[in-house]
Amino acid sequence: MYGVNAPSETRDLRMMAIWAAEEGEHPMTKRQLVDEIKSERLYMSERLVILLVEDSEDDITIIRKAFERAGVHNPLFVVRDGEAAVAYLSGNGKYSIRDEYPLPALVLLDLKLPGMDGFEVLRWIRQAPGLKSLRVIVLTSSDSIRDVNAAYQLGANSFMVKEMDFENSIELARLITDFWLLKAREPEVERPEQPERKEGSPEMWRNRRGDSNR
């Protein structure tokens, strides 16, 4: 299909198509191909799920509105404490239905959570098989350098401080999605496997009888 001067090491068929357009061997122009690829990437990026781990209703409302005003159409799921974040990512309880609660491509994590705090959630993610590469942005009101250092040491991909001004919050929403969901490549993640209970095991027998820890 392509001439002898085609780049032999190019493995991306879309790049090959652009090269062919430049050489006059493709019906679409280079500009048309680039626009089509950008449109495809935008469509795919908008299907990526964001998980917001945040306990403040005010902050949840601000973040939702900022993403809407920024023109971000990605599904935004919210959990309000660390335990719920772990349950969501693990697929436990109601979160086991992945069609309703899909794995996120990006986690926005507050640090000051009731019970299990953001640091503990981050530590759990980085130790969970299948989730170690999940992209996590700490989004918090704290600007303490101690919190910044601790978050990066535990494996945060970025540390961002919540904006006080709504217009700045809109710009922050654009920045997050433009880089992390549109430009940056997404790693493979999968739900951690749940240990299976063997038929006839003492634990299963106790559960069937309804008497635990006797």
N, C-alpha and C. Protein backbone atom coordinates (compact mmCIF):
# COMPACT_ATOMS: atom_id res chain seq x y z
N MET A 1 0.82 -1.20 0.00
CA MET A 1 0.00 0.00 0.00
C MET A 1 0.86 1.26 0.00
N TYR A 2 1.90 1.27 0.84
CA TYR A 2 2.75 2.44 0.95
C TYR A 2 4.07 2.21 0.21
N GLY A 3 4.69 3.30 -0.16
CA GLY A 3 5.93 3.21 -0.90
C GLY A 3 7.09 2.74 -0.05
N VAL A 4 8.23 2.61 -0.68
CA VAL A 4 9.40 2.07 0.00
C VAL A 4 9.93 3.00 1.07
N ASN A 5 9.54 4.29 0.99
CA ASN A 5 10.04 5.25 1.96
C ASN A 5 9.17 5.33 3.21
N ALA A 6 8.15 4.48 3.31
CA ALA A 6 7.30 4.50 4.50
C ALA A 6 8.13 4.15 5.72
N PRO A 7 7.86 4.80 6.87
CA PRO A 7 8.65 4.54 8.08
C PRO A 7 8.44 3.12 8.58
N SER A 8 9.48 2.29 8.49
CA SER A 8 9.34 0.87 8.81
C SER A 8 9.11 0.61 10.28
N GLU A 9 9.53 1.55 11.15
CA GLU A 9 9.40 1.31 12.57
C GLU A 9 8.09 1.85 13.14
N THR A 10 7.25 2.47 12.30
CA THR A 10 5.99 3.01 12.77
C THR A 10 4.99 1.89 12.96
N ARG A 11 4.47 1.77 14.17
CA ARG A 11 3.52 0.71 14.46
C ARG A 11 2.10 1.24 14.58
N ASP A 12 1.91 2.54 14.73
CA ASP A 12 0.60 3.13 14.87
C ASP A 12 0.01 3.34 13.49
N LEU A 13 -1.09 2.65 13.18
CA LEU A 13 -1.68 2.73 11.85
C LEU A 13 -2.18 4.14 11.54
N ARG A 14 -2.57 4.87 12.58
CA ARG A 14 -3.02 6.23 12.34
C ARG A 14 -1.86 7.11 11.88
N MET A 15 -0.69 6.91 12.46
CA MET A 15 0.48 7.67 12.02
C MET A 15 0.89 7.27 10.61
N MET A 16 0.70 5.99 10.28
CA MET A 16 0.98 5.56 8.92
C MET A 16 0.04 6.25 7.94
N ALA A 17 -1.23 6.43 8.36
CA ALA A 17 -2.19 7.09 7.49
C ALA A 17 -1.81 8.54 7.26
N ILE A 18 -1.33 9.21 8.31
CA ILE A 18 -0.89 10.59 8.17
C ILE A 18 0.30 10.67 7.23
N TRP A 19 1.25 9.74 7.39
CA TRP A 19 2.41 9.70 6.50
C TRP A 19 1.96 9.52 5.05
N ALA A 20 0.97 8.61 4.87
CA ALA A 20 0.48 8.35 3.52
C ALA A 20 -0.19 9.58 2.93
N ALA A 21 -0.91 10.35 3.79
CA ALA A 21 -1.55 11.58 3.31
C ALA A 21 -0.51 12.58 2.85
N GLU A 22 0.60 12.65 3.59
CA GLU A 22 1.68 13.56 3.21
C GLU A 22 2.28 13.16 1.87
N GLU A 23 2.31 11.85 1.61
CA GLU A 23 2.90 11.35 0.37
C GLU A 23 1.90 11.31 -0.77
N GLY A 24 0.66 11.73 -0.48
CA GLY A 24 -0.36 11.72 -1.52
C GLY A 24 -0.94 10.36 -1.77
N GLU A 25 -0.80 9.40 -0.83
CA GLU A 25 -1.27 8.05 -1.03
C GLU A 25 -2.51 7.75 -0.18
N HIS A 26 -3.16 8.78 0.37
CA HIS A 26 -4.33 8.58 1.19
C HIS A 26 -5.39 9.58 0.75
N PRO A 27 -6.68 9.15 0.66
CA PRO A 27 -7.73 10.06 0.16
C PRO A 27 -7.98 11.27 1.07
N MET A 28 -7.66 11.18 2.37
CA MET A 28 -7.87 12.30 3.29
C MET A 28 -6.59 13.11 3.41
N THR A 29 -6.75 14.40 3.64
CA THR A 29 -5.58 15.24 3.85
C THR A 29 -5.02 15.00 5.23
N LYS A 30 -3.78 15.44 5.44
CA LYS A 30 -3.16 15.30 6.75
C LYS A 30 -3.97 16.02 7.81
N ARG A 31 -4.48 17.24 7.49
CA ARG A 31 -5.26 18.01 8.45
C ARG A 31 -6.54 17.29 8.83
N GLN A 32 -7.20 16.68 7.86
CA GLN A 32 -8.42 15.93 8.13
C GLN A 32 -8.15 14.73 9.02
N LEU A 33 -7.04 14.06 8.75
CA LEU A 33 -6.69 12.90 9.57
C LEU A 33 -6.38 13.30 11.00
N VAL A 34 -5.62 14.37 11.17
CA VAL A 34 -5.28 14.84 12.51
C VAL A 34 -6.55 15.22 13.27
N ASP A 35 -7.47 15.93 12.62
CA ASP A 35 -8.72 16.33 13.26
C ASP A 35 -9.55 15.11 13.65
N GLU A 36 -9.55 14.10 12.78
CA GLU A 36 -10.32 12.89 13.07
C GLU A 36 -9.73 12.14 14.27
N ILE A 37 -8.40 12.07 14.33
CA ILE A 37 -7.74 11.40 15.45
C ILE A 37 -8.00 12.15 16.75
N LYS A 38 -7.92 13.49 16.71
CA LYS A 38 -8.20 14.28 17.90
C LYS A 38 -9.63 14.06 18.36
N SER A 39 -10.57 14.01 17.43
CA SER A 39 -11.97 13.79 17.77
C SER A 39 -12.16 12.42 18.40
N GLU A 40 -11.45 11.42 17.86
CA GLU A 40 -11.54 10.06 18.41
C GLU A 40 -10.99 10.02 19.83
N ARG A 41 -9.85 10.68 20.04
CA ARG A 41 -9.24 10.70 21.37
C ARG A 41 -10.14 11.40 22.37
N LEU A 42 -10.77 12.52 21.95
CA LEU A 42 -11.67 13.25 22.82
C LEU A 42 -12.86 12.39 23.21
N TYR A 43 -13.42 11.67 22.22
CA TYR A 43 -14.55 10.79 22.49
C TYR A 43 -14.17 9.71 23.48
N MET A 44 -13.02 9.09 23.27
CA MET A 44 -12.58 8.03 24.16
C MET A 44 -12.29 8.57 25.56
N SER A 45 -11.66 9.75 25.63
CA SER A 45 -11.31 10.31 26.93
C SER A 45 -12.54 10.67 27.74
N GLU A 46 -13.61 11.09 27.06
CA GLU A 46 -14.83 11.48 27.77
C GLU A 46 -15.57 10.28 28.35
N ARG A 47 -15.19 9.08 27.97
CA ARG A 47 -15.81 7.88 28.53
C ARG A 47 -15.09 7.42 29.80
N LEU A 48 -13.94 8.01 30.09
CA LEU A 48 -13.18 7.62 31.27
C LEU A 48 -13.84 8.15 32.53
N VAL A 49 -13.89 7.29 33.54
CA VAL A 49 -14.59 7.61 34.79
C VAL A 49 -13.65 8.27 35.79
N ILE A 50 -14.17 9.27 36.49
CA ILE A 50 -13.45 9.92 37.58
C ILE A 50 -14.14 9.54 38.89
N LEU A 51 -13.35 9.14 39.88
CA LEU A 51 -13.88 8.86 41.21
C LEU A 51 -13.42 9.96 42.16
N LEU A 52 -14.38 10.66 42.74
CA LEU A 52 -14.10 11.72 43.71
C LEU A 52 -14.32 11.17 45.11
N VAL A 53 -13.28 11.22 45.94
CA VAL A 53 -13.37 10.78 47.32
C VAL A 53 -13.36 12.04 48.18
N GLU A 54 -14.53 12.43 48.65
CA GLU A 54 -14.69 13.73 49.31
C GLU A 54 -15.87 13.67 50.28
N ASP A 55 -15.68 14.17 51.49
CA ASP A 55 -16.75 14.12 52.49
C ASP A 55 -17.53 15.42 52.62
N SER A 56 -17.01 16.52 52.11
CA SER A 56 -17.67 17.82 52.24
C SER A 56 -18.69 18.00 51.12
N GLU A 57 -19.96 18.15 51.49
CA GLU A 57 -21.00 18.35 50.48
C GLU A 57 -20.78 19.65 49.71
N ASP A 58 -20.31 20.67 50.39
CA ASP A 58 -20.03 21.94 49.71
C ASP A 58 -18.95 21.76 48.64
N ASP A 59 -17.88 21.06 49.01
CA ASP A 59 -16.79 20.84 48.05
C ASP A 59 -17.24 19.96 46.89
N ILE A 60 -18.07 18.96 47.18
CA ILE A 60 -18.60 18.09 46.12
C ILE A 60 -19.40 18.91 45.12
N THR A 61 -20.25 19.80 45.63
CA THR A 61 -21.06 20.65 44.76
C THR A 61 -20.18 21.57 43.91
N ILE A 62 -19.18 22.18 44.54
CA ILE A 62 -18.28 23.08 43.81
C ILE A 62 -17.53 22.33 42.72
N ILE A 63 -17.01 21.15 43.06
CA ILE A 63 -16.24 20.37 42.08
C ILE A 63 -17.13 19.94 40.92
N ARG A 64 -18.32 19.46 41.22
CA ARG A 64 -19.26 19.07 40.15
C ARG A 64 -19.54 20.25 39.21
N LYS A 65 -19.86 21.41 39.80
CA LYS A 65 -20.19 22.57 38.98
C LYS A 65 -18.99 23.07 38.19
N ALA A 66 -17.81 22.99 38.81
CA ALA A 66 -16.59 23.42 38.10
C ALA A 66 -16.33 22.53 36.89
N PHE A 67 -16.52 21.22 37.03
CA PHE A 67 -16.32 20.31 35.91
C PHE A 67 -17.35 20.57 34.81
N GLU A 68 -18.59 20.85 35.23
CA GLU A 68 -19.63 21.14 34.25
C GLU A 68 -19.32 22.42 33.48
N ARG A 69 -18.92 23.48 34.20
CA ARG A 69 -18.60 24.75 33.56
C ARG A 69 -17.37 24.65 32.67
N ALA A 70 -16.47 23.71 33.02
CA ALA A 70 -15.26 23.51 32.22
C ALA A 70 -15.54 22.68 30.97
N GLY A 71 -16.78 22.21 30.83
CA GLY A 71 -17.13 21.40 29.67
C GLY A 71 -16.63 19.98 29.75
N VAL A 72 -16.42 19.50 30.98
CA VAL A 72 -15.95 18.13 31.18
C VAL A 72 -17.17 17.20 31.27
N HIS A 73 -17.23 16.23 30.38
CA HIS A 73 -18.41 15.36 30.31
C HIS A 73 -18.15 13.96 30.87
N ASN A 74 -17.00 13.77 31.48
CA ASN A 74 -16.69 12.45 32.03
C ASN A 74 -17.63 12.09 33.18
N PRO A 75 -18.01 10.82 33.30
CA PRO A 75 -18.81 10.41 34.45
C PRO A 75 -18.04 10.66 35.75
N LEU A 76 -18.69 11.30 36.72
CA LEU A 76 -18.06 11.62 37.99
C LEU A 76 -18.81 10.89 39.10
N PHE A 77 -18.15 9.89 39.70
CA PHE A 77 -18.74 9.16 40.81
C PHE A 77 -18.17 9.69 42.12
N VAL A 78 -18.99 9.69 43.17
CA VAL A 78 -18.57 10.26 44.44
C VAL A 78 -18.75 9.24 45.56
N VAL A 79 -17.73 9.09 46.39
CA VAL A 79 -17.84 8.37 47.66
C VAL A 79 -17.37 9.32 48.75
N ARG A 80 -17.91 9.16 49.96
CA ARG A 80 -17.73 10.19 50.96
C ARG A 80 -16.84 9.83 52.14
N ASP A 81 -16.20 8.68 52.08
CA ASP A 81 -15.22 8.34 53.12
C ASP A 81 -14.26 7.30 52.58
N GLY A 82 -13.19 7.05 53.35
CA GLY A 82 -12.16 6.14 52.89
C GLY A 82 -12.63 4.71 52.73
N GLU A 83 -13.46 4.25 53.67
CA GLU A 83 -13.97 2.88 53.59
C GLU A 83 -14.80 2.68 52.33
N ALA A 84 -15.60 3.68 51.98
CA ALA A 84 -16.41 3.57 50.76
C ALA A 84 -15.53 3.58 49.51
N ALA A 85 -14.42 4.33 49.55
CA ALA A 85 -13.49 4.34 48.43
C ALA A 85 -12.89 2.96 48.20
N VAL A 86 -12.48 2.32 49.30
CA VAL A 86 -11.91 0.97 49.19
C VAL A 86 -12.96 -0.02 48.70
N ALA A 87 -14.19 0.10 49.20
CA ALA A 87 -15.27 -0.79 48.76
C ALA A 87 -15.55 -0.60 47.27
N TYR A 88 -15.57 0.65 46.82
CA TYR A 88 -15.81 0.93 45.40
C TYR A 88 -14.71 0.30 44.55
N LEU A 89 -13.47 0.55 44.89
CA LEU A 89 -12.36 0.06 44.08
C LEU A 89 -12.23 -1.45 44.15
N SER A 90 -12.61 -2.03 45.29
CA SER A 90 -12.54 -3.48 45.45
C SER A 90 -13.71 -4.19 44.78
N GLY A 91 -14.81 -3.45 44.58
CA GLY A 91 -16.01 -4.08 44.03
C GLY A 91 -16.78 -4.84 45.08
N ASN A 92 -16.78 -4.33 46.31
CA ASN A 92 -17.49 -4.99 47.41
C ASN A 92 -18.90 -4.42 47.57
N GLY A 93 -19.80 -5.26 48.09
CA GLY A 93 -21.15 -4.81 48.36
C GLY A 93 -21.85 -4.33 47.11
N LYS A 94 -22.52 -3.18 47.20
CA LYS A 94 -23.27 -2.66 46.05
C LYS A 94 -22.36 -2.30 44.89
N TYR A 95 -21.07 -2.09 45.17
CA TYR A 95 -20.12 -1.71 44.12
C TYR A 95 -19.65 -2.90 43.28
N SER A 96 -20.18 -4.08 43.57
CA SER A 96 -19.78 -5.26 42.80
C SER A 96 -20.33 -5.24 41.39
N ILE A 97 -21.36 -4.43 41.13
CA ILE A 97 -21.95 -4.34 39.80
C ILE A 97 -21.15 -3.32 39.00
N ARG A 98 -20.21 -3.82 38.21
CA ARG A 98 -19.27 -2.94 37.53
C ARG A 98 -19.92 -2.12 36.42
N ASP A 99 -21.06 -2.57 35.89
CA ASP A 99 -21.76 -1.77 34.88
C ASP A 99 -22.28 -0.48 35.50
N GLU A 100 -22.62 -0.53 36.78
CA GLU A 100 -23.13 0.66 37.47
C GLU A 100 -22.02 1.44 38.15
N TYR A 101 -20.97 0.74 38.59
CA TYR A 101 -19.86 1.38 39.28
C TYR A 101 -18.54 0.95 38.64
N PRO A 102 -18.24 1.49 37.45
CA PRO A 102 -17.03 1.08 36.72
C PRO A 102 -15.77 1.57 37.41
N LEU A 103 -14.68 0.84 37.15
CA LEU A 103 -13.39 1.27 37.69
C LEU A 103 -13.02 2.63 37.12
N PRO A 104 -12.49 3.51 37.93
CA PRO A 104 -12.13 4.84 37.44
C PRO A 104 -10.80 4.84 36.71
N ALA A 105 -10.65 5.83 35.83
CA ALA A 105 -9.35 6.07 35.21
C ALA A 105 -8.54 7.04 36.05
N LEU A 106 -9.23 7.76 36.94
CA LEU A 106 -8.58 8.78 37.75
C LEU A 106 -9.32 8.92 39.07
N VAL A 107 -8.56 9.03 40.15
CA VAL A 107 -9.13 9.25 41.48
C VAL A 107 -8.73 10.63 41.98
N LEU A 108 -9.71 11.41 42.41
CA LEU A 108 -9.46 12.69 43.09
C LEU A 108 -9.69 12.44 44.56
N LEU A 109 -8.62 12.55 45.35
CA LEU A 109 -8.65 12.07 46.73
C LEU A 109 -8.41 13.20 47.73
N ASP A 110 -9.40 13.42 48.59
CA ASP A 110 -9.22 14.34 49.70
C ASP A 110 -8.43 13.62 50.79
N LEU A 111 -7.72 14.37 51.61
CA LEU A 111 -6.94 13.75 52.68
C LEU A 111 -7.72 13.67 53.99
N LYS A 112 -8.50 14.71 54.26
CA LYS A 112 -9.19 14.80 55.55
C LYS A 112 -10.56 14.14 55.44
N LEU A 113 -10.54 12.81 55.60
CA LEU A 113 -11.76 12.02 55.51
C LEU A 113 -12.10 11.43 56.86
N PRO A 114 -13.37 11.22 57.14
CA PRO A 114 -13.74 10.57 58.40
C PRO A 114 -13.32 9.10 58.41
N GLY A 115 -12.88 8.61 59.56
CA GLY A 115 -12.44 7.21 59.63
C GLY A 115 -11.12 7.02 58.91
N MET A 116 -11.14 6.21 57.89
CA MET A 116 -9.94 5.95 57.08
C MET A 116 -9.61 7.20 56.27
N ASP A 117 -8.46 7.84 56.56
CA ASP A 117 -8.16 9.09 55.88
C ASP A 117 -7.54 8.86 54.50
N GLY A 118 -7.28 9.96 53.80
CA GLY A 118 -6.77 9.87 52.44
C GLY A 118 -5.43 9.18 52.33
N PHE A 119 -4.57 9.38 53.30
CA PHE A 119 -3.26 8.72 53.28
C PHE A 119 -3.42 7.21 53.34
N GLU A 120 -4.34 6.74 54.18
CA GLU A 120 -4.57 5.29 54.29
C GLU A 120 -5.16 4.73 53.00
N VAL A 121 -6.06 5.49 52.38
CA VAL A 121 -6.63 5.05 51.11
C VAL A 121 -5.53 4.94 50.06
N LEU A 122 -4.67 5.94 49.99
CA LEU A 122 -3.58 5.95 49.02
C LEU A 122 -2.64 4.78 49.27
N ARG A 123 -2.32 4.50 50.52
CA ARG A 123 -1.46 3.37 50.85
C ARG A 123 -2.11 2.07 50.41
N TRP A 124 -3.41 1.94 50.64
CA TRP A 124 -4.13 0.72 50.25
C TRP A 124 -4.10 0.54 48.74
N ILE A 125 -4.34 1.61 47.99
CA ILE A 125 -4.34 1.52 46.53
C ILE A 125 -2.99 1.04 46.02
N ARG A 126 -1.91 1.59 46.56
CA ARG A 126 -0.58 1.24 46.07
C ARG A 126 -0.16 -0.17 46.47
N GLN A 127 -0.88 -0.78 47.38
CA GLN A 127 -0.58 -2.16 47.78
C GLN A 127 -1.57 -3.16 47.19
N ALA A 128 -2.62 -2.66 46.54
CA ALA A 128 -3.67 -3.55 46.04
C ALA A 128 -3.30 -4.11 44.67
N PRO A 129 -3.26 -5.43 44.52
CA PRO A 129 -2.97 -6.02 43.22
C PRO A 129 -3.98 -5.54 42.18
N GLY A 130 -3.49 -5.13 41.03
CA GLY A 130 -4.36 -4.67 39.97
C GLY A 130 -4.62 -3.17 39.99
N LEU A 131 -4.39 -2.53 41.14
CA LEU A 131 -4.70 -1.10 41.26
C LEU A 131 -3.46 -0.24 41.50
N LYS A 132 -2.30 -0.87 41.59
CA LYS A 132 -1.09 -0.13 41.94
C LYS A 132 -0.79 1.02 40.98
N SER A 133 -1.20 0.85 39.72
CA SER A 133 -0.90 1.88 38.71
C SER A 133 -2.02 2.90 38.56
N LEU A 134 -3.10 2.76 39.32
CA LEU A 134 -4.22 3.68 39.22
C LEU A 134 -3.76 5.11 39.51
N ARG A 135 -4.16 6.03 38.66
CA ARG A 135 -3.73 7.41 38.81
C ARG A 135 -4.53 8.10 39.91
N VAL A 136 -3.82 8.66 40.88
CA VAL A 136 -4.45 9.29 42.04
C VAL A 136 -3.93 10.71 42.18
N ILE A 137 -4.85 11.66 42.15
CA ILE A 137 -4.51 13.06 42.40
C ILE A 137 -5.05 13.44 43.77
N VAL A 138 -4.18 13.86 44.65
CA VAL A 138 -4.64 14.38 45.93
C VAL A 138 -5.18 15.78 45.69
N LEU A 139 -6.45 15.98 46.05
CA LEU A 139 -7.12 17.27 45.90
C LEU A 139 -7.67 17.65 47.26
N THR A 140 -6.98 18.55 47.93
CA THR A 140 -7.27 18.82 49.33
C THR A 140 -7.13 20.30 49.65
N SER A 141 -7.61 20.68 50.83
CA SER A 141 -7.48 22.08 51.26
C SER A 141 -6.15 22.33 51.96
N SER A 142 -5.43 21.26 52.27
CA SER A 142 -4.15 21.40 52.98
C SER A 142 -3.04 21.79 52.02
N ASP A 143 -2.23 22.77 52.43
CA ASP A 143 -1.03 23.10 51.67
C ASP A 143 0.23 22.86 52.48
N SER A 144 0.08 22.02 53.51
CA SER A 144 1.22 21.68 54.38
C SER A 144 2.26 20.90 53.60
N ILE A 145 3.51 21.31 53.66
CA ILE A 145 4.58 20.59 52.97
C ILE A 145 4.73 19.19 53.51
N ARG A 146 4.38 19.00 54.78
CA ARG A 146 4.44 17.64 55.36
C ARG A 146 3.42 16.74 54.66
N ASP A 147 2.21 17.26 54.41
CA ASP A 147 1.20 16.48 53.70
C ASP A 147 1.62 16.23 52.25
N VAL A 148 2.20 17.25 51.62
CA VAL A 148 2.68 17.10 50.24
C VAL A 148 3.72 15.98 50.16
N ASN A 149 4.70 16.03 51.03
CA ASN A 149 5.76 15.01 51.02
C ASN A 149 5.21 13.62 51.30
N ALA A 150 4.33 13.52 52.30
CA ALA A 150 3.77 12.23 52.66
C ALA A 150 2.96 11.64 51.51
N ALA A 151 2.18 12.47 50.82
CA ALA A 151 1.35 11.99 49.72
C ALA A 151 2.21 11.45 48.58
N TYR A 152 3.26 12.18 48.21
CA TYR A 152 4.14 11.71 47.14
C TYR A 152 4.90 10.45 47.55
N GLN A 153 5.29 10.39 48.80
CA GLN A 153 6.01 9.20 49.27
C GLN A 153 5.12 7.96 49.23
N LEU A 154 3.82 8.16 49.39
CA LEU A 154 2.88 7.03 49.34
C LEU A 154 2.44 6.70 47.91
N GLY A 155 2.88 7.52 46.95
CA GLY A 155 2.61 7.18 45.56
C GLY A 155 1.58 8.03 44.85
N ALA A 156 1.26 9.22 45.38
CA ALA A 156 0.34 10.11 44.67
C ALA A 156 0.96 10.54 43.34
N ASN A 157 0.13 10.65 42.30
CA ASN A 157 0.62 11.12 41.01
C ASN A 157 0.73 12.64 40.95
N SER A 158 -0.07 13.31 41.76
CA SER A 158 -0.02 14.75 41.82
C SER A 158 -0.68 15.22 43.12
N PHE A 159 -0.31 16.43 43.54
CA PHE A 159 -0.88 17.02 44.77
C PHE A 159 -1.38 18.41 44.39
N MET A 160 -2.69 18.61 44.53
CA MET A 160 -3.29 19.90 44.18
C MET A 160 -4.12 20.42 45.34
N VAL A 161 -4.06 21.73 45.52
CA VAL A 161 -4.81 22.38 46.60
C VAL A 161 -6.10 22.94 46.02
N LYS A 162 -7.21 22.71 46.71
CA LYS A 162 -8.51 23.22 46.26
C LYS A 162 -8.46 24.74 46.14
N GLU A 163 -9.06 25.22 45.07
CA GLU A 163 -9.11 26.66 44.84
C GLU A 163 -10.24 27.30 45.63
N MET A 164 -9.98 28.49 46.17
CA MET A 164 -11.00 29.22 46.90
C MET A 164 -11.95 29.94 45.94
N ASP A 165 -11.43 30.37 44.79
CA ASP A 165 -12.21 31.09 43.80
C ASP A 165 -12.82 30.12 42.80
N PHE A 166 -14.11 30.28 42.49
CA PHE A 166 -14.79 29.33 41.62
C PHE A 166 -14.21 29.32 40.21
N GLU A 167 -13.87 30.51 39.68
CA GLU A 167 -13.30 30.57 38.34
C GLU A 167 -11.98 29.79 38.28
N ASN A 168 -11.20 29.87 39.36
CA ASN A 168 -9.96 29.10 39.41
C ASN A 168 -10.24 27.61 39.51
N SER A 169 -11.35 27.26 40.16
CA SER A 169 -11.75 25.85 40.25
C SER A 169 -12.08 25.31 38.86
N ILE A 170 -12.71 26.13 38.04
CA ILE A 170 -13.03 25.73 36.66
C ILE A 170 -11.74 25.47 35.88
N GLU A 171 -10.78 26.38 36.04
CA GLU A 171 -9.50 26.22 35.34
C GLU A 171 -8.77 24.97 35.83
N LEU A 172 -8.86 24.68 37.13
CA LEU A 172 -8.23 23.48 37.68
C LEU A 172 -8.88 22.22 37.09
N ALA A 173 -10.20 22.24 36.94
CA ALA A 173 -10.91 21.10 36.34
C ALA A 173 -10.43 20.86 34.91
N ARG A 174 -10.25 21.95 34.15
CA ARG A 174 -9.75 21.82 32.78
C ARG A 174 -8.34 21.25 32.78
N LEU A 175 -7.51 21.76 33.67
CA LEU A 175 -6.13 21.31 33.73
C LEU A 175 -6.05 19.82 34.02
N ILE A 176 -6.83 19.36 34.99
CA ILE A 176 -6.82 17.94 35.37
C ILE A 176 -7.24 17.06 34.21
N THR A 177 -8.36 17.40 33.57
CA THR A 177 -8.86 16.54 32.50
C THR A 177 -8.02 16.63 31.23
N ASP A 178 -7.56 17.84 30.89
CA ASP A 178 -6.77 17.99 29.68
C ASP A 178 -5.50 17.16 29.74
N PHE A 179 -4.84 17.14 30.89
CA PHE A 179 -3.59 16.39 30.98
C PHE A 179 -3.84 14.92 31.30
N TRP A 180 -4.54 14.64 32.40
CA TRP A 180 -4.61 13.28 32.90
C TRP A 180 -5.54 12.37 32.09
N LEU A 181 -6.58 12.94 31.46
CA LEU A 181 -7.52 12.10 30.72
C LEU A 181 -7.38 12.23 29.21
N LEU A 182 -6.80 13.31 28.73
CA LEU A 182 -6.69 13.49 27.29
C LEU A 182 -5.29 13.26 26.77
N LYS A 183 -4.29 13.84 27.43
CA LYS A 183 -2.92 13.75 26.92
C LYS A 183 -2.16 12.54 27.49
N ALA A 184 -2.28 12.30 28.79
CA ALA A 184 -1.51 11.22 29.42
C ALA A 184 -2.11 9.86 29.07
N ARG A 185 -1.26 8.88 28.85
CA ARG A 185 -1.71 7.52 28.57
C ARG A 185 -2.20 6.86 29.84
N GLU A 186 -3.28 6.10 29.70
CA GLU A 186 -3.91 5.45 30.85
C GLU A 186 -3.28 4.08 31.11
N PRO A 187 -2.89 3.79 32.36
CA PRO A 187 -2.35 2.46 32.67
C PRO A 187 -3.48 1.44 32.78
N GLU A 188 -3.12 0.17 32.70
CA GLU A 188 -4.11 -0.88 32.88
C GLU A 188 -4.34 -1.11 34.37
N VAL A 189 -5.59 -1.13 34.77
CA VAL A 189 -5.94 -1.44 36.15
C VAL A 189 -7.07 -2.46 36.14
N GLU A 190 -7.19 -3.20 37.21
CA GLU A 190 -8.26 -4.17 37.33
C GLU A 190 -8.63 -4.35 38.78
N ARG A 191 -9.84 -4.77 39.00
CA ARG A 191 -10.32 -4.96 40.36
C ARG A 191 -9.53 -6.08 41.04
N PRO A 192 -9.12 -5.87 42.30
CA PRO A 192 -8.43 -6.94 43.02
C PRO A 192 -9.32 -8.17 43.15
N GLU A 193 -8.72 -9.33 43.01
CA GLU A 193 -9.50 -10.56 43.14
C GLU A 193 -9.94 -10.77 44.58
N GLN A 194 -11.19 -11.19 44.73
CA GLN A 194 -11.73 -11.46 46.05
C GLN A 194 -11.45 -12.92 46.41
N PRO A 195 -11.00 -13.20 47.65
CA PRO A 195 -10.77 -14.59 48.04
C PRO A 195 -12.07 -15.39 48.03
N GLU A 196 -12.02 -16.56 47.41
CA GLU A 196 -13.21 -17.40 47.34
C GLU A 196 -13.35 -18.22 48.61
N ARG A 197 -14.61 -18.33 49.06
CA ARG A 197 -14.89 -19.18 50.21
C ARG A 197 -15.17 -20.60 49.74
N LYS A 198 -14.45 -21.53 50.28
CA LYS A 198 -14.61 -22.92 49.87
C LYS A 198 -15.87 -23.51 50.48
N GLU A 199 -16.55 -24.34 49.66
CA GLU A 199 -17.76 -25.01 50.12
C GLU A 199 -17.43 -25.89 51.32
N GLY A 200 -18.23 -25.77 52.37
CA GLY A 200 -18.01 -26.57 53.57
C GLY A 200 -17.03 -25.97 54.55
N SER A 201 -16.48 -24.77 54.26
CA SER A 201 -15.53 -24.15 55.17
C SER A 201 -16.25 -23.70 56.43
N PRO A 202 -15.54 -23.65 57.58
CA PRO A 202 -16.17 -23.21 58.83
C PRO A 202 -16.82 -21.84 58.71
N GLU A 203 -16.19 -20.92 57.98
CA GLU A 203 -16.73 -19.58 57.86
C GLU A 203 -18.06 -19.61 57.12
N MET A 204 -18.11 -20.36 56.02
CA MET A 204 -19.35 -20.44 55.26
C MET A 204 -20.44 -21.13 56.09
N TRP A 205 -20.03 -22.16 56.87
CA TRP A 205 -21.00 -22.89 57.69
C TRP A 205 -21.59 -21.98 58.76
N ARG A 206 -20.72 -21.15 59.37
CA ARG A 206 -21.20 -20.21 60.39
C ARG A 206 -22.14 -19.19 59.77
N ASN A 207 -21.83 -18.74 58.56
CA ASN A 207 -22.69 -17.76 57.91
C ASN A 207 -24.06 -18.35 57.58
N ARG A 208 -24.07 -19.62 57.17
CA ARG A 208 -25.34 -20.26 56.85
C ARG A 208 -26.17 -20.43 58.12
N ARG A 209 -25.53 -20.73 59.22
CA ARG A 209 -26.24 -20.92 60.49
C ARG A 209 -26.63 -19.59 61.10
N GLY A 210 -25.94 -18.51 60.67
CA GLY A 210 -26.25 -17.20 61.20
C GLY A 210 -25.62 -16.94 62.54
N ASP A 211 -24.60 -17.73 62.93
CA ASP A 211 -23.95 -17.49 64.23
C ASP A 211 -22.45 -17.32 63.98
N SER A 212 -21.94 -16.12 64.01
CA SER A 212 -20.53 -15.89 63.78
C SER A 212 -19.82 -15.73 65.11
N ASN A 213 -18.52 -16.15 65.12
CA ASN A 213 -17.64 -15.96 66.27
C ASN A 213 -18.17 -16.66 67.53
N ARG A 214 -18.70 -17.88 67.38
CA ARG A 214 -19.05 -18.66 68.57
C ARG A 214 -17.94 -19.63 68.93
